[in-house]
Amino acid sequence: MDNGLAEDRRGYMADGSAGRSVERTLGQLRTMDGVGTASAQPAGPLTLEDLYKVHRMRLVRLAILLVDEPATAEDVVQEAFTGLYRNWGKLRDATAAVAYLRTAVVNGSRSVLRRRKTAREYVPPHAVNARSAESLAMLSSEHQSVVDALSKLPPRQREVLVLRYYGGLSEAEISEVAGISKGTVKSTASRALEALQKAMSG
């Protein structure tokens, strides 16, 4: 049965409308945050301080998209950098360090969401209050509705879409960061886009 899904150039199954909406919204955030743009590399060996300066804000945004609350996102990223400091001697290079940080942020966000799920008194923040004022000011109502719909997805579906469209990661990179198979990445992205389409048209 044809469910209107088409495979994009990177091998994902994507519903056209939902896929384009998420791509436009998270693409705008990527541009605002400078994700994927070349950063001036400091002369000499890369230090932990260099990585912190270059990647911290992007990782905070990644965490915000996964856990909704800026303060919690900051804590998740701080923990990731603390872990990186402890493991600094074991990492091959800057690429390995950035991969470590992304994985740590995803795992830290999962832990936050698990704790929330088990805390019966937890009440999720209203979407309008959950994001920084600067972000809201720069997002159109259409983009805000996409981000709100994303926040209603199950955690794994949300992770895959955020890593794909905001993180700009390939299927193989998402598989590594999220600890799931490439086939699961593809099927999760497909289900997530279907769910997002329903949420946005509901």
C-alpha atoms as a PDB file:
ATOM      1  CA  MET A   1       0.000   0.000   0.000  1.00  0.00           C
ATOM      2  CA  ASP A   2       1.352   3.428  -0.902  1.00  0.00           C
ATOM      3  CA  ASN A   3       1.401   5.613   2.192  1.00  0.00           C
ATOM      4  CA  GLY A   4       2.836   8.649   0.432  1.00  0.00           C
ATOM      5  CA  LEU A   5       6.378   8.093   1.670  1.00  0.00           C
ATOM      6  CA  ALA A   6       9.326   8.621  -0.623  1.00  0.00           C
ATOM      7  CA  GLU A   7      12.992   7.799  -0.077  1.00  0.00           C
ATOM      8  CA  ASP A   8      15.237  10.842  -0.015  1.00  0.00           C
ATOM      9  CA  ARG A   9      18.790  11.094  -1.317  1.00  0.00           C
ATOM     10  CA  ARG A  10      20.279  10.015   2.013  1.00  0.00           C
ATOM     11  CA  GLY A  11      18.202   6.849   2.193  1.00  0.00           C
ATOM     12  CA  TYR A  12      15.529   7.965   4.655  1.00  0.00           C
ATOM     13  CA  MET A  13      11.848   7.311   4.150  1.00  0.00           C
ATOM     14  CA  ALA A  14      10.227  10.694   4.422  1.00  0.00           C
ATOM     15  CA  ASP A  15       6.704  11.996   4.130  1.00  0.00           C
ATOM     16  CA  GLY A  16       7.034  14.985   1.826  1.00  0.00           C
ATOM     17  CA  SER A  17       5.054  17.544   3.806  1.00  0.00           C
ATOM     18  CA  ALA A  18       6.236  16.636   7.324  1.00  0.00           C
ATOM     19  CA  GLY A  19       9.795  16.050   6.136  1.00  0.00           C
ATOM     20  CA  ARG A  20       9.957  19.453   4.452  1.00  0.00           C
ATOM     21  CA  SER A  21       8.464  21.184   7.503  1.00  0.00           C
ATOM     22  CA  VAL A  22      10.970  19.617   9.895  1.00  0.00           C
ATOM     23  CA  GLU A  23      13.838  20.252   7.491  1.00  0.00           C
ATOM     24  CA  ARG A  24      12.890  23.946   7.134  1.00  0.00           C
ATOM     25  CA  THR A  25      12.434  24.473  10.883  1.00  0.00           C
ATOM     26  CA  LEU A  26      15.492  22.628  12.148  1.00  0.00           C
ATOM     27  CA  GLY A  27      17.463  23.895   9.164  1.00  0.00           C
ATOM     28  CA  GLN A  28      16.719  27.445  10.280  1.00  0.00           C
ATOM     29  CA  LEU A  29      17.910  26.601  13.799  1.00  0.00           C
ATOM     30  CA  ARG A  30      21.057  24.999  12.332  1.00  0.00           C
ATOM     31  CA  THR A  31      21.766  28.212  10.427  1.00  0.00           C
ATOM     32  CA  MET A  32      21.106  30.396  13.477  1.00  0.00           C
ATOM     33  CA  ASP A  33      23.480  28.252  15.549  1.00  0.00           C
ATOM     34  CA  GLY A  34      26.116  27.901  12.846  1.00  0.00           C
ATOM     35  CA  VAL A  35      25.863  24.103  12.791  1.00  0.00           C
ATOM     36  CA  GLY A  36      27.746  22.622   9.891  1.00  0.00           C
ATOM     37  CA  THR A  37      29.603  25.835   9.095  1.00  0.00           C
ATOM     38  CA  ALA A  38      33.367  25.931   9.139  1.00  0.00           C
ATOM     39  CA  SER A  39      34.729  27.323  12.395  1.00  0.00           C
ATOM     40  CA  ALA A  40      38.162  28.863  12.639  1.00  0.00           C
ATOM     41  CA  GLN A  41      40.375  26.195  14.164  1.00  0.00           C
ATOM     42  CA  PRO A  42      42.876  27.397  16.738  1.00  0.00           C
ATOM     43  CA  ALA A  43      46.554  26.967  15.929  1.00  0.00           C
ATOM     44  CA  GLY A  44      48.154  23.976  17.615  1.00  0.00           C
ATOM     45  CA  PRO A  45      46.490  20.948  19.242  1.00  0.00           C
ATOM     46  CA  LEU A  46      42.784  21.229  19.978  1.00  0.00           C
ATOM     47  CA  THR A  47      42.070  21.610  23.685  1.00  0.00           C
ATOM     48  CA  LEU A  48      39.012  20.874  25.778  1.00  0.00           C
ATOM     49  CA  GLU A  49      38.502  24.634  26.069  1.00  0.00           C
ATOM     50  CA  ASP A  50      38.485  24.946  22.261  1.00  0.00           C
ATOM     51  CA  LEU A  51      35.817  22.253  21.954  1.00  0.00           C
ATOM     52  CA  TYR A  52      33.762  23.942  24.665  1.00  0.00           C
ATOM     53  CA  LYS A  53      33.871  27.310  22.884  1.00  0.00           C
ATOM     54  CA  VAL A  54      33.028  25.865  19.456  1.00  0.00           C
ATOM     55  CA  HIS A  55      30.429  23.225  20.307  1.00  0.00           C
ATOM     56  CA  ARG A  56      28.762  24.083  23.623  1.00  0.00           C
ATOM     57  CA  MET A  57      25.882  26.214  22.305  1.00  0.00           C
ATOM     58  CA  ARG A  58      25.074  23.751  19.500  1.00  0.00           C
ATOM     59  CA  LEU A  59      24.989  20.894  22.003  1.00  0.00           C
ATOM     60  CA  VAL A  60      22.745  22.921  24.318  1.00  0.00           C
ATOM     61  CA  ARG A  61      20.319  23.479  21.423  1.00  0.00           C
ATOM     62  CA  LEU A  62      20.435  19.755  20.626  1.00  0.00           C
ATOM     63  CA  ALA A  63      19.610  18.978  24.261  1.00  0.00           C
ATOM     64  CA  ILE A  64      16.812  21.596  24.355  1.00  0.00           C
ATOM     65  CA  LEU A  65      15.207  19.952  21.327  1.00  0.00           C
ATOM     66  CA  LEU A  66      15.317  16.634  23.207  1.00  0.00           C
ATOM     67  CA  VAL A  67      14.324  17.675  26.767  1.00  0.00           C
ATOM     68  CA  ASP A  68      12.500  21.033  26.242  1.00  0.00           C
ATOM     69  CA  GLU A  69      13.946  22.894  29.236  1.00  0.00           C
ATOM     70  CA  PRO A  70      16.996  25.149  28.765  1.00  0.00           C
ATOM     71  CA  ALA A  71      18.249  24.729  32.354  1.00  0.00           C
ATOM     72  CA  THR A  72      18.046  20.940  32.106  1.00  0.00           C
ATOM     73  CA  ALA A  73      19.695  21.039  28.684  1.00  0.00           C
ATOM     74  CA  GLU A  74      22.578  23.088  30.139  1.00  0.00           C
ATOM     75  CA  ASP A  75      23.023  20.453  32.877  1.00  0.00           C
ATOM     76  CA  VAL A  76      23.046  17.622  30.326  1.00  0.00           C
ATOM     77  CA  VAL A  77      25.726  19.374  28.259  1.00  0.00           C
ATOM     78  CA  GLN A  78      27.791  20.220  31.340  1.00  0.00           C
ATOM     79  CA  GLU A  79      27.736  16.523  32.311  1.00  0.00           C
ATOM     80  CA  ALA A  80      28.808  15.594  28.776  1.00  0.00           C
ATOM     81  CA  PHE A  81      31.828  17.901  28.985  1.00  0.00           C
ATOM     82  CA  THR A  82      32.678  16.569  32.455  1.00  0.00           C
ATOM     83  CA  GLY A  83      32.656  13.057  31.006  1.00  0.00           C
ATOM     84  CA  LEU A  84      34.804  14.220  28.087  1.00  0.00           C
ATOM     85  CA  TYR A  85      37.332  15.659  30.540  1.00  0.00           C
ATOM     86  CA  ARG A  86      37.504  12.318  32.364  1.00  0.00           C
ATOM     87  CA  ASN A  87      37.997  10.445  29.056  1.00  0.00           C
ATOM     88  CA  TRP A  88      40.178  13.012  27.283  1.00  0.00           C
ATOM     89  CA  GLY A  89      43.281  10.794  27.159  1.00  0.00           C
ATOM     90  CA  LYS A  90      41.387   7.913  25.526  1.00  0.00           C
ATOM     91  CA  LEU A  91      40.070   9.869  22.526  1.00  0.00           C
ATOM     92  CA  ARG A  92      41.845   9.732  19.150  1.00  0.00           C
ATOM     93  CA  ASP A  93      41.142  13.236  17.885  1.00  0.00           C
ATOM     94  CA  ALA A  94      38.677  16.160  17.774  1.00  0.00           C
ATOM     95  CA  THR A  95      36.218  14.198  15.617  1.00  0.00           C
ATOM     96  CA  ALA A  96      36.095  11.421  18.205  1.00  0.00           C
ATOM     97  CA  ALA A  97      35.648  14.026  20.959  1.00  0.00           C
ATOM     98  CA  VAL A  98      32.665  15.643  19.185  1.00  0.00           C
ATOM     99  CA  ALA A  99      31.115  12.203  18.575  1.00  0.00           C
ATOM    100  CA  TYR A 100      31.602  11.428  22.283  1.00  0.00           C
ATOM    101  CA  LEU A 101      29.868  14.685  23.251  1.00  0.00           C
ATOM    102  CA  ARG A 102      26.880  14.078  20.938  1.00  0.00           C
ATOM    103  CA  THR A 103      26.407  10.559  22.275  1.00  0.00           C
ATOM    104  CA  ALA A 104      26.727  11.790  25.868  1.00  0.00           C
ATOM    105  CA  VAL A 105      24.102  14.500  25.249  1.00  0.00           C
ATOM    106  CA  VAL A 106      21.667  11.984  23.729  1.00  0.00           C
ATOM    107  CA  ASN A 107      22.216   9.527  26.597  1.00  0.00           C
ATOM    108  CA  GLY A 108      21.955  12.286  29.205  1.00  0.00           C
ATOM    109  CA  SER A 109      18.701  13.487  27.629  1.00  0.00           C
ATOM    110  CA  ARG A 110      17.326   9.933  27.713  1.00  0.00           C
ATOM    111  CA  SER A 111      18.136   9.726  31.425  1.00  0.00           C
ATOM    112  CA  VAL A 112      16.300  12.993  32.067  1.00  0.00           C
ATOM    113  CA  LEU A 113      13.227  11.744  30.185  1.00  0.00           C
ATOM    114  CA  ARG A 114      13.271   8.415  32.060  1.00  0.00           C
ATOM    115  CA  ARG A 115      13.394  10.224  35.394  1.00  0.00           C
ATOM    116  CA  ARG A 116      10.503  12.452  34.343  1.00  0.00           C
ATOM    117  CA  LYS A 117       8.434   9.462  33.312  1.00  0.00           C
ATOM    118  CA  THR A 118       8.858   7.844  36.723  1.00  0.00           C
ATOM    119  CA  ALA A 119       8.211  11.048  38.688  1.00  0.00           C
ATOM    120  CA  ARG A 120       4.433  11.093  38.952  1.00  0.00           C
ATOM    121  CA  GLU A 121       4.318  14.687  40.118  1.00  0.00           C
ATOM    122  CA  TYR A 122       6.221  15.900  37.046  1.00  0.00           C
ATOM    123  CA  VAL A 123       4.216  18.288  34.884  1.00  0.00           C
ATOM    124  CA  PRO A 124       5.834  19.094  31.505  1.00  0.00           C
ATOM    125  CA  PRO A 125       6.477  22.794  30.983  1.00  0.00           C
ATOM    126  CA  HIS A 126       4.241  24.642  28.585  1.00  0.00           C
ATOM    127  CA  ALA A 127       5.997  24.752  25.218  1.00  0.00           C
ATOM    128  CA  VAL A 128       6.006  28.560  25.134  1.00  0.00           C
ATOM    129  CA  ASN A 129       7.970  28.748  28.388  1.00  0.00           C
ATOM    130  CA  ALA A 130      10.343  25.924  27.565  1.00  0.00           C
ATOM    131  CA  ARG A 131      12.595  27.645  25.069  1.00  0.00           C
ATOM    132  CA  SER A 132      14.766  30.694  25.234  1.00  0.00           C
ATOM    133  CA  ALA A 133      13.180  34.039  24.396  1.00  0.00           C
ATOM    134  CA  GLU A 134      15.715  34.582  21.610  1.00  0.00           C
ATOM    135  CA  SER A 135      14.745  31.314  19.933  1.00  0.00           C
ATOM    136  CA  LEU A 136      11.037  32.097  20.077  1.00  0.00           C
ATOM    137  CA  ALA A 137      11.578  35.584  18.738  1.00  0.00           C
ATOM    138  CA  MET A 138      13.412  34.200  15.727  1.00  0.00           C
ATOM    139  CA  LEU A 139      10.981  31.389  14.911  1.00  0.00           C
ATOM    140  CA  SER A 140       7.829  31.984  12.904  1.00  0.00           C
ATOM    141  CA  SER A 141       4.553  30.506  14.178  1.00  0.00           C
ATOM    142  CA  GLU A 142       4.865  27.779  11.539  1.00  0.00           C
ATOM    143  CA  HIS A 143       8.312  26.795  12.839  1.00  0.00           C
ATOM    144  CA  GLN A 144       7.126  26.956  16.449  1.00  0.00           C
ATOM    145  CA  SER A 145       4.284  24.567  15.645  1.00  0.00           C
ATOM    146  CA  VAL A 146       6.801  22.101  14.149  1.00  0.00           C
ATOM    147  CA  VAL A 147       9.009  22.283  17.267  1.00  0.00           C
ATOM    148  CA  ASP A 148       5.919  21.809  19.481  1.00  0.00           C
ATOM    149  CA  ALA A 149       4.837  18.787  17.423  1.00  0.00           C
ATOM    150  CA  LEU A 150       8.364  17.355  17.719  1.00  0.00           C
ATOM    151  CA  SER A 151       8.155  17.633  21.507  1.00  0.00           C
ATOM    152  CA  LYS A 152       5.093  15.349  21.502  1.00  0.00           C
ATOM    153  CA  LEU A 153       6.868  12.478  19.717  1.00  0.00           C
ATOM    154  CA  PRO A 154       8.180   9.435  21.614  1.00  0.00           C
ATOM    155  CA  PRO A 155      11.794  10.038  22.706  1.00  0.00           C
ATOM    156  CA  ARG A 156      13.478   7.764  20.144  1.00  0.00           C
ATOM    157  CA  GLN A 157      11.512   9.207  17.209  1.00  0.00           C
ATOM    158  CA  ARG A 158      12.332  12.700  18.393  1.00  0.00           C
ATOM    159  CA  GLU A 159      16.026  11.814  18.750  1.00  0.00           C
ATOM    160  CA  VAL A 160      16.264  10.472  15.209  1.00  0.00           C
ATOM    161  CA  LEU A 161      14.622  13.539  13.644  1.00  0.00           C
ATOM    162  CA  VAL A 162      16.631  16.015  15.721  1.00  0.00           C
ATOM    163  CA  LEU A 163      19.922  14.248  14.981  1.00  0.00           C
ATOM    164  CA  ARG A 164      19.053  14.043  11.301  1.00  0.00           C
ATOM    165  CA  TYR A 165      17.670  17.516  10.627  1.00  0.00           C
ATOM    166  CA  TYR A 166      19.363  19.616  13.312  1.00  0.00           C
ATOM    167  CA  GLY A 167      22.533  17.587  13.807  1.00  0.00           C
ATOM    168  CA  GLY A 168      22.852  16.959  10.072  1.00  0.00           C
ATOM    169  CA  LEU A 169      23.958  13.377  10.747  1.00  0.00           C
ATOM    170  CA  SER A 170      23.826  10.515   8.283  1.00  0.00           C
ATOM    171  CA  GLU A 171      21.953   7.286   8.952  1.00  0.00           C
ATOM    172  CA  ALA A 172      25.214   5.590   9.988  1.00  0.00           C
ATOM    173  CA  GLU A 173      26.145   8.459  12.342  1.00  0.00           C
ATOM    174  CA  ILE A 174      22.694   8.442  13.976  1.00  0.00           C
ATOM    175  CA  SER A 175      22.986   4.678  14.382  1.00  0.00           C
ATOM    176  CA  GLU A 176      26.261   5.154  16.244  1.00  0.00           C
ATOM    177  CA  VAL A 177      25.112   8.071  18.417  1.00  0.00           C
ATOM    178  CA  ALA A 178      21.728   6.558  19.325  1.00  0.00           C
ATOM    179  CA  GLY A 179      23.004   2.988  19.680  1.00  0.00           C
ATOM    180  CA  ILE A 180      20.488   1.495  17.248  1.00  0.00           C
ATOM    181  CA  SER A 181      20.837  -0.265  13.888  1.00  0.00           C
ATOM    182  CA  LYS A 182      20.731   1.639  10.594  1.00  0.00           C
ATOM    183  CA  GLY A 183      17.507  -0.210   9.719  1.00  0.00           C
ATOM    184  CA  THR A 184      15.961   1.000  12.986  1.00  0.00           C
ATOM    185  CA  VAL A 185      17.081   4.564  12.228  1.00  0.00           C
ATOM    186  CA  LYS A 186      15.324   4.413   8.853  1.00  0.00           C
ATOM    187  CA  SER A 187      12.089   2.871  10.153  1.00  0.00           C
ATOM    188  CA  THR A 188      12.038   5.199  13.185  1.00  0.00           C
ATOM    189  CA  ALA A 189      12.465   8.270  10.943  1.00  0.00           C
ATOM    190  CA  SER A 190       9.605   7.058   8.760  1.00  0.00           C
ATOM    191  CA  ARG A 191       7.261   6.481  11.732  1.00  0.00           C
ATOM    192  CA  ALA A 192       8.305   9.788  13.298  1.00  0.00           C
ATOM    193  CA  LEU A 193       7.468  11.750  10.159  1.00  0.00           C
ATOM    194  CA  GLU A 194       4.096  10.014   9.858  1.00  0.00           C
ATOM    195  CA  ALA A 195       3.323  10.839  13.513  1.00  0.00           C
ATOM    196  CA  LEU A 196       4.514  14.415  13.021  1.00  0.00           C
ATOM    197  CA  GLN A 197       2.278  14.842   9.979  1.00  0.00           C
ATOM    198  CA  LYS A 198      -0.735  13.654  12.010  1.00  0.00           C
ATOM    199  CA  ALA A 199       0.161  15.927  14.924  1.00  0.00           C
ATOM    200  CA  MET A 200       0.533  18.981  12.705  1.00  0.00           C
ATOM    201  CA  SER A 201      -2.666  18.370  10.765  1.00  0.00           C
ATOM    202  CA  GLY A 202      -4.696  17.447  13.845  1.00  0.00           C
END
